[in-house]
Amino acid sequence: MCRNMLDHPEIKLLLNTDYKEVIDAIRYETMIYTGPVDYYFNYQLGKLKWRSIKFIFETHDCESYQPIASTRWPMDYEYTRITEFKKLTGQKHDKTTILKEIPCDGDEPFYTFPTAEWKALAQRYRELAAREEHVIFLGRLAEYKYYDMDDVVRRALDVFNNSILGENR
């Protein structure tokens, strides 16, 4: 699926490029924006607060570190999740590598702050976004909403079916 999309003549891929650097040079009928909604609007209502994540990789001299691929931990620990990658891929080895996710303040946005203050500011940005005629704001950053990956995919398919296909039916 990804290869077919990348090979499509109407799809151009630009890596390591901020859309603001090229937006004036790109012609589009509809843009799907997945970046931070406050950045899109140049922080005109203020900057939204995000939680970031510090990633700690560890390799252990054991075949298995935990019983399943990904485990969420209660707030009794510094980390909130441990992922053991070889359990996702089915690899066999006498060592294993894990990734611990530690919430923190940082520059890379991962999770929203679900407080009244930040929800209210996000709503104001959503109202601005709703006025954009040729832009679809989609995903965690653009909607300032927590999504699991399956929910992100479902939302993208629903938006595509309703917005894009709906125009061509």
Protein backbone atom coordinates (compact mmCIF):
# COMPACT_ATOMS: atom_id res chain seq x y z
CA MET A 1 0.00 0.00 0.00
CA CYS A 2 2.73 2.47 0.99
CA ARG A 3 4.83 1.65 -2.09
CA ASN A 4 1.80 2.18 -4.34
CA MET A 5 1.10 5.53 -2.74
CA LEU A 6 4.71 6.67 -3.08
CA ASP A 7 4.83 5.53 -6.72
CA HIS A 8 1.65 7.45 -7.62
CA PRO A 9 2.37 10.31 -10.06
CA GLU A 10 0.17 12.72 -8.07
CA ILE A 11 2.04 12.13 -4.79
CA LYS A 12 5.29 13.95 -4.05
CA LEU A 13 7.38 13.10 -1.01
CA LEU A 14 9.53 15.73 0.66
CA LEU A 15 11.57 14.64 3.67
CA ASN A 16 12.97 16.91 6.37
CA THR A 17 10.90 19.78 5.05
CA ASP A 18 8.74 22.13 7.06
CA TYR A 19 5.57 22.69 5.04
CA LYS A 20 5.85 26.45 5.63
CA GLU A 21 9.05 26.41 3.56
CA VAL A 22 7.25 25.08 0.48
CA ILE A 23 3.53 25.82 0.89
CA ASP A 24 3.56 28.80 -1.49
CA ALA A 25 5.16 26.67 -4.22
CA ILE A 26 2.67 23.79 -4.01
CA ARG A 27 -0.67 23.77 -5.79
CA TYR A 28 -3.38 21.75 -4.10
CA GLU A 29 -7.13 21.47 -3.98
CA THR A 30 -7.19 20.15 -0.42
CA MET A 31 -4.30 19.88 2.02
CA ILE A 32 -4.33 17.33 4.81
CA TYR A 33 -2.44 18.98 7.67
CA THR A 34 -1.13 16.67 10.41
CA GLY A 35 1.20 19.02 12.29
CA PRO A 36 0.46 20.97 15.47
CA VAL A 37 -2.65 23.09 14.99
CA ASP A 38 -1.18 26.01 16.93
CA TYR A 39 1.90 26.02 14.67
CA TYR A 40 -0.31 26.14 11.58
CA PHE A 41 -1.83 29.37 12.90
CA ASN A 42 1.55 30.78 13.97
CA TYR A 43 0.59 30.49 17.65
CA GLN A 44 -1.76 33.46 17.26
CA LEU A 45 -3.91 32.32 20.22
CA GLY A 46 -0.93 31.10 22.24
CA LYS A 47 1.12 27.95 22.26
CA LEU A 48 -0.59 24.70 23.25
CA LYS A 49 1.09 22.63 25.95
CA TRP A 50 2.27 19.15 25.02
CA ARG A 51 3.86 16.33 26.93
CA SER A 52 6.91 14.86 25.31
CA ILE A 53 8.66 11.52 25.76
CA LYS A 54 12.22 10.55 26.51
CA PHE A 55 13.13 7.18 24.99
CA ILE A 56 15.58 4.91 26.81
CA PHE A 57 16.80 1.82 24.94
CA GLU A 58 18.26 -1.05 26.94
CA THR A 59 19.66 -4.40 25.81
CA HIS A 60 19.41 -7.26 28.30
CA ASP A 61 21.20 -10.61 28.48
CA CYS A 62 17.98 -12.61 28.52
CA GLU A 63 15.75 -14.11 25.88
CA SER A 64 12.63 -12.38 27.22
CA TYR A 65 12.24 -9.29 29.37
CA GLN A 66 8.45 -9.26 29.78
CA PRO A 67 5.61 -11.60 28.80
CA ILE A 68 4.17 -9.42 25.98
CA ALA A 69 5.44 -6.88 23.44
CA SER A 70 4.21 -3.72 25.12
CA THR A 71 3.34 -3.13 28.76
CA ARG A 72 1.94 0.05 30.26
CA TRP A 73 3.05 0.88 33.78
CA PRO A 74 1.18 2.80 36.46
CA MET A 75 2.52 6.08 37.74
CA ASP A 76 4.50 4.22 40.41
CA TYR A 77 7.44 4.19 37.99
CA GLU A 78 9.43 6.80 36.10
CA TYR A 79 8.41 5.20 32.79
CA THR A 80 4.89 4.70 31.45
CA ARG A 81 5.50 1.98 28.87
CA ILE A 82 8.05 -0.69 28.01
CA THR A 83 8.16 -2.17 24.52
CA GLU A 84 10.11 -5.32 23.68
CA PHE A 85 10.47 -5.16 19.93
CA LYS A 86 11.38 -8.72 19.09
CA LYS A 87 7.99 -9.80 20.39
CA LEU A 88 6.42 -7.63 17.70
CA THR A 89 8.45 -9.22 14.92
CA GLY A 90 8.81 -12.80 16.18
CA GLN A 91 12.61 -12.70 16.29
CA LYS A 92 14.49 -15.29 18.32
CA HIS A 93 17.72 -14.34 20.10
CA ASP A 94 19.37 -14.91 23.47
CA LYS A 95 19.38 -11.12 24.12
CA THR A 96 16.55 -8.64 23.93
CA THR A 97 16.20 -4.89 23.50
CA ILE A 98 13.52 -2.88 25.23
CA LEU A 99 12.42 0.72 25.06
CA LYS A 100 11.26 2.61 28.12
CA GLU A 101 9.09 5.68 27.55
CA ILE A 102 9.45 8.43 30.13
CA PRO A 103 7.06 11.40 30.01
CA CYS A 104 8.74 14.79 30.15
CA ASP A 105 8.58 18.37 29.02
CA GLY A 106 10.27 18.73 25.69
CA ASP A 107 10.20 20.24 22.23
CA GLU A 108 8.65 17.27 20.44
CA PRO A 109 4.88 17.05 20.97
CA PHE A 110 3.43 13.62 21.73
CA TYR A 111 0.49 13.90 24.12
CA THR A 112 -2.04 16.59 24.88
CA PHE A 113 -2.54 18.09 28.33
CA PRO A 114 -6.13 17.08 29.18
CA THR A 115 -6.87 20.00 31.48
CA ALA A 116 -9.66 22.55 31.08
CA GLU A 117 -7.17 25.31 30.22
CA TRP A 118 -5.53 23.46 27.33
CA LYS A 119 -8.80 21.94 26.08
CA ALA A 120 -10.30 25.45 25.89
CA LEU A 121 -7.35 26.80 23.90
CA ALA A 122 -7.46 23.77 21.61
CA GLN A 123 -11.17 24.39 21.01
CA ARG A 124 -10.43 27.94 19.95
CA TYR A 125 -7.87 26.60 17.45
CA ARG A 126 -10.44 24.04 16.22
CA GLU A 127 -12.82 26.91 15.54
CA LEU A 128 -10.14 28.64 13.48
CA ALA A 129 -9.38 25.37 11.68
CA ALA A 130 -13.05 24.86 10.81
CA ARG A 131 -12.94 28.13 8.84
CA GLU A 132 -10.11 26.91 6.61
CA GLU A 133 -11.81 25.97 3.35
CA HIS A 134 -9.20 23.77 1.70
CA VAL A 135 -7.43 22.25 4.69
CA ILE A 136 -8.33 19.10 6.61
CA PHE A 137 -6.80 18.97 10.09
CA LEU A 138 -6.16 15.34 10.91
CA GLY A 139 -4.39 13.42 13.65
CA ARG A 140 -3.14 13.86 17.18
CA LEU A 141 -1.25 17.09 16.61
CA ALA A 142 -3.68 18.79 14.24
CA GLU A 143 -6.72 17.94 16.36
CA TYR A 144 -5.01 18.28 19.76
CA LYS A 145 -6.53 14.96 20.71
CA TYR A 146 -5.18 11.73 22.10
CA TYR A 147 -5.52 8.91 19.59
CA ASP A 148 -4.30 5.34 19.66
CA MET A 149 -2.89 4.26 16.29
CA ASP A 150 -5.97 2.23 15.31
CA ASP A 151 -8.15 5.26 16.01
CA VAL A 152 -5.89 7.48 13.89
CA VAL A 153 -6.19 5.08 10.96
CA ARG A 154 -9.98 4.83 11.39
CA ARG A 155 -10.31 8.61 11.55
CA ALA A 156 -8.17 9.07 8.42
CA LEU A 157 -10.25 6.50 6.50
CA ASP A 158 -13.49 8.12 7.66
CA VAL A 159 -12.30 11.60 6.65
CA PHE A 160 -11.16 10.28 3.28
CA ASN A 161 -14.45 8.47 2.65
CA ASN A 162 -16.57 11.44 3.74
CA SER A 163 -14.53 14.38 2.47
CA ILE A 164 -12.58 13.15 -0.52
CA LEU A 165 -14.72 10.33 -1.92
CA GLY A 166 -17.91 12.13 -0.96
CA GLU A 167 -17.11 14.92 -3.43
CA ASN A 168 -16.62 12.42 -6.26
CA ARG A 169 -19.72 10.27 -5.74
